[in-house]
Amino acid sequence: MFSLIDLKQTKVYQEALEEGIKEGEILTKLGSIPRMVKLGLSVEIIAASLDLPLETVQQEVNKQQ
């Protein structure tokens, strides 16, 4: 029977964990965009600061309008 330790050592678990972490990081960055816009930062500065594509930042800004 698989124990929790065995499960955590599987490649599938590791890949799912990594994917979840990356998704969480992206969601955190996307959540920062409206606050940065309110501070008067340009989409170019926001994209560079958050290390996101300019198009992604622009789409998020457009959603807020």
N, C-alpha and C. Protein backbone atom coordinates (compact mmCIF):
# COMPACT_ATOMS: atom_id res chain seq x y z
N MET A 1 0.84 -1.18 0.00
CA MET A 1 0.00 0.00 0.00
C MET A 1 0.89 1.24 0.00
N PHE A 2 0.43 2.26 -0.73
CA PHE A 2 1.16 3.52 -0.80
C PHE A 2 1.00 4.31 0.49
N SER A 3 2.10 4.73 1.04
CA SER A 3 2.03 5.64 2.18
C SER A 3 2.13 7.07 1.64
N LEU A 4 1.88 8.02 2.48
CA LEU A 4 1.97 9.41 2.08
C LEU A 4 3.38 9.75 1.61
N ILE A 5 4.36 9.21 2.27
CA ILE A 5 5.75 9.45 1.88
C ILE A 5 6.02 8.88 0.49
N ASP A 6 5.51 7.68 0.22
CA ASP A 6 5.68 7.08 -1.10
C ASP A 6 5.01 7.94 -2.17
N LEU A 7 3.82 8.42 -1.87
CA LEU A 7 3.08 9.24 -2.82
C LEU A 7 3.84 10.52 -3.14
N LYS A 8 4.39 11.16 -2.13
CA LYS A 8 5.11 12.41 -2.33
C LYS A 8 6.38 12.23 -3.15
N GLN A 9 6.87 11.02 -3.25
CA GLN A 9 8.08 10.76 -4.01
C GLN A 9 7.79 10.41 -5.47
N THR A 10 6.53 10.29 -5.84
CA THR A 10 6.22 9.94 -7.22
C THR A 10 6.39 11.15 -8.13
N LYS A 11 6.70 10.88 -9.38
CA LYS A 11 6.89 11.95 -10.36
C LYS A 11 5.60 12.72 -10.58
N VAL A 12 4.49 12.02 -10.61
CA VAL A 12 3.20 12.68 -10.82
C VAL A 12 2.92 13.68 -9.71
N TYR A 13 3.17 13.28 -8.47
CA TYR A 13 2.96 14.17 -7.33
C TYR A 13 3.87 15.39 -7.43
N GLN A 14 5.13 15.15 -7.73
CA GLN A 14 6.10 16.25 -7.82
C GLN A 14 5.71 17.24 -8.91
N GLU A 15 5.28 16.71 -10.07
CA GLU A 15 4.87 17.59 -11.17
C GLU A 15 3.62 18.38 -10.81
N ALA A 16 2.67 17.74 -10.16
CA ALA A 16 1.44 18.42 -9.76
C ALA A 16 1.74 19.50 -8.72
N LEU A 17 2.62 19.20 -7.80
CA LEU A 17 3.01 20.18 -6.78
C LEU A 17 3.69 21.38 -7.43
N GLU A 18 4.61 21.12 -8.33
CA GLU A 18 5.31 22.20 -9.02
C GLU A 18 4.34 23.06 -9.82
N GLU A 19 3.41 22.42 -10.51
CA GLU A 19 2.42 23.14 -11.30
C GLU A 19 1.55 24.01 -10.39
N GLY A 20 1.15 23.48 -9.26
CA GLY A 20 0.34 24.24 -8.31
C GLY A 20 1.07 25.45 -7.75
N ILE A 21 2.34 25.28 -7.48
CA ILE A 21 3.15 26.39 -6.98
C ILE A 21 3.26 27.48 -8.03
N LYS A 22 3.53 27.09 -9.27
CA LYS A 22 3.65 28.08 -10.36
C LYS A 22 2.33 28.81 -10.57
N GLU A 23 1.22 28.07 -10.52
CA GLU A 23 -0.09 28.69 -10.70
C GLU A 23 -0.36 29.69 -9.58
N GLY A 24 0.01 29.34 -8.37
CA GLY A 24 -0.16 30.25 -7.24
C GLY A 24 0.67 31.52 -7.39
N GLU A 25 1.88 31.37 -7.90
CA GLU A 25 2.74 32.53 -8.11
C GLU A 25 2.14 33.46 -9.16
N ILE A 26 1.61 32.88 -10.23
CA ILE A 26 1.00 33.69 -11.29
C ILE A 26 -0.23 34.41 -10.77
N LEU A 27 -1.07 33.70 -10.02
CA LEU A 27 -2.28 34.33 -9.47
C LEU A 27 -1.92 35.47 -8.52
N THR A 28 -0.87 35.31 -7.77
CA THR A 28 -0.41 36.38 -6.87
C THR A 28 0.02 37.60 -7.67
N LYS A 29 0.77 37.36 -8.73
CA LYS A 29 1.21 38.46 -9.59
C LYS A 29 0.02 39.16 -10.23
N LEU A 30 -0.93 38.38 -10.75
CA LEU A 30 -2.10 38.96 -11.39
C LEU A 30 -2.92 39.78 -10.39
N GLY A 31 -2.97 39.32 -9.16
CA GLY A 31 -3.70 40.06 -8.12
C GLY A 31 -3.04 41.37 -7.75
N SER A 32 -1.76 41.50 -8.04
CA SER A 32 -1.03 42.73 -7.74
C SER A 32 -1.27 43.82 -8.78
N ILE A 33 -1.68 43.43 -9.96
CA ILE A 33 -1.82 44.38 -11.06
C ILE A 33 -2.78 45.52 -10.74
N PRO A 34 -4.00 45.27 -10.25
CA PRO A 34 -4.90 46.40 -9.97
C PRO A 34 -4.32 47.39 -8.96
N ARG A 35 -3.63 46.90 -7.96
CA ARG A 35 -3.02 47.80 -6.96
C ARG A 35 -1.93 48.65 -7.60
N MET A 36 -1.17 48.05 -8.50
CA MET A 36 -0.09 48.78 -9.15
C MET A 36 -0.64 49.83 -10.11
N VAL A 37 -1.76 49.51 -10.76
CA VAL A 37 -2.41 50.49 -11.64
C VAL A 37 -2.90 51.67 -10.81
N LYS A 38 -3.49 51.39 -9.66
CA LYS A 38 -3.98 52.47 -8.78
C LYS A 38 -2.85 53.37 -8.31
N LEU A 39 -1.65 52.82 -8.25
CA LEU A 39 -0.48 53.62 -7.87
C LEU A 39 0.03 54.47 -9.03
N GLY A 40 -0.57 54.27 -10.21
CA GLY A 40 -0.21 55.07 -11.37
C GLY A 40 0.91 54.49 -12.21
N LEU A 41 1.25 53.24 -11.99
CA LEU A 41 2.32 52.62 -12.77
C LEU A 41 1.82 52.24 -14.16
N SER A 42 2.69 52.35 -15.14
CA SER A 42 2.33 51.99 -16.51
C SER A 42 2.34 50.47 -16.67
N VAL A 43 1.65 49.99 -17.71
CA VAL A 43 1.62 48.55 -17.95
C VAL A 43 3.01 48.02 -18.24
N GLU A 44 3.85 48.83 -18.85
CA GLU A 44 5.22 48.40 -19.14
C GLU A 44 6.02 48.19 -17.85
N ILE A 45 5.88 49.11 -16.93
CA ILE A 45 6.59 48.99 -15.66
C ILE A 45 6.05 47.82 -14.85
N ILE A 46 4.73 47.66 -14.86
CA ILE A 46 4.12 46.54 -14.14
C ILE A 46 4.61 45.21 -14.70
N ALA A 47 4.60 45.09 -16.03
CA ALA A 47 5.04 43.85 -16.67
C ALA A 47 6.50 43.55 -16.31
N ALA A 48 7.34 44.56 -16.37
CA ALA A 48 8.75 44.36 -16.05
C ALA A 48 8.94 44.01 -14.57
N SER A 49 8.20 44.68 -13.70
CA SER A 49 8.33 44.45 -12.26
C SER A 49 7.88 43.05 -11.86
N LEU A 50 6.81 42.57 -12.50
CA LEU A 50 6.25 41.27 -12.14
C LEU A 50 6.79 40.14 -13.01
N ASP A 51 7.63 40.49 -13.97
CA ASP A 51 8.19 39.49 -14.90
C ASP A 51 7.06 38.73 -15.61
N LEU A 52 6.11 39.51 -16.13
CA LEU A 52 4.99 38.96 -16.89
C LEU A 52 5.01 39.55 -18.30
N PRO A 53 4.45 38.83 -19.27
CA PRO A 53 4.35 39.39 -20.62
C PRO A 53 3.48 40.65 -20.61
N LEU A 54 3.86 41.62 -21.42
CA LEU A 54 3.12 42.87 -21.52
C LEU A 54 1.66 42.61 -21.88
N GLU A 55 1.42 41.67 -22.78
CA GLU A 55 0.06 41.36 -23.22
C GLU A 55 -0.80 40.87 -22.05
N THR A 56 -0.21 40.07 -21.18
CA THR A 56 -0.94 39.55 -20.02
C THR A 56 -1.35 40.68 -19.09
N VAL A 57 -0.43 41.58 -18.84
CA VAL A 57 -0.73 42.72 -17.97
C VAL A 57 -1.81 43.59 -18.60
N GLN A 58 -1.69 43.83 -19.90
CA GLN A 58 -2.68 44.66 -20.59
C GLN A 58 -4.07 44.04 -20.52
N GLN A 59 -4.15 42.72 -20.68
CA GLN A 59 -5.44 42.03 -20.59
C GLN A 59 -6.05 42.19 -19.20
N GLU A 60 -5.24 42.07 -18.17
CA GLU A 60 -5.74 42.22 -16.81
C GLU A 60 -6.21 43.65 -16.54
N VAL A 61 -5.48 44.62 -17.06
CA VAL A 61 -5.88 46.02 -16.90
C VAL A 61 -7.20 46.26 -17.61
N ASN A 62 -7.36 45.71 -18.80
CA ASN A 62 -8.60 45.88 -19.56
C ASN A 62 -9.78 45.24 -18.85
N LYS A 63 -9.57 44.15 -18.15
CA LYS A 63 -10.64 43.49 -17.39
C LYS A 63 -11.15 44.40 -16.27
N GLN A 64 -10.28 45.22 -15.73
CA GLN A 64 -10.63 46.08 -14.60
C GLN A 64 -11.44 47.30 -15.04
N GLN A 65 -11.38 47.62 -16.31
CA GLN A 65 -12.05 48.84 -16.80
C GLN A 65 -13.48 48.59 -17.16
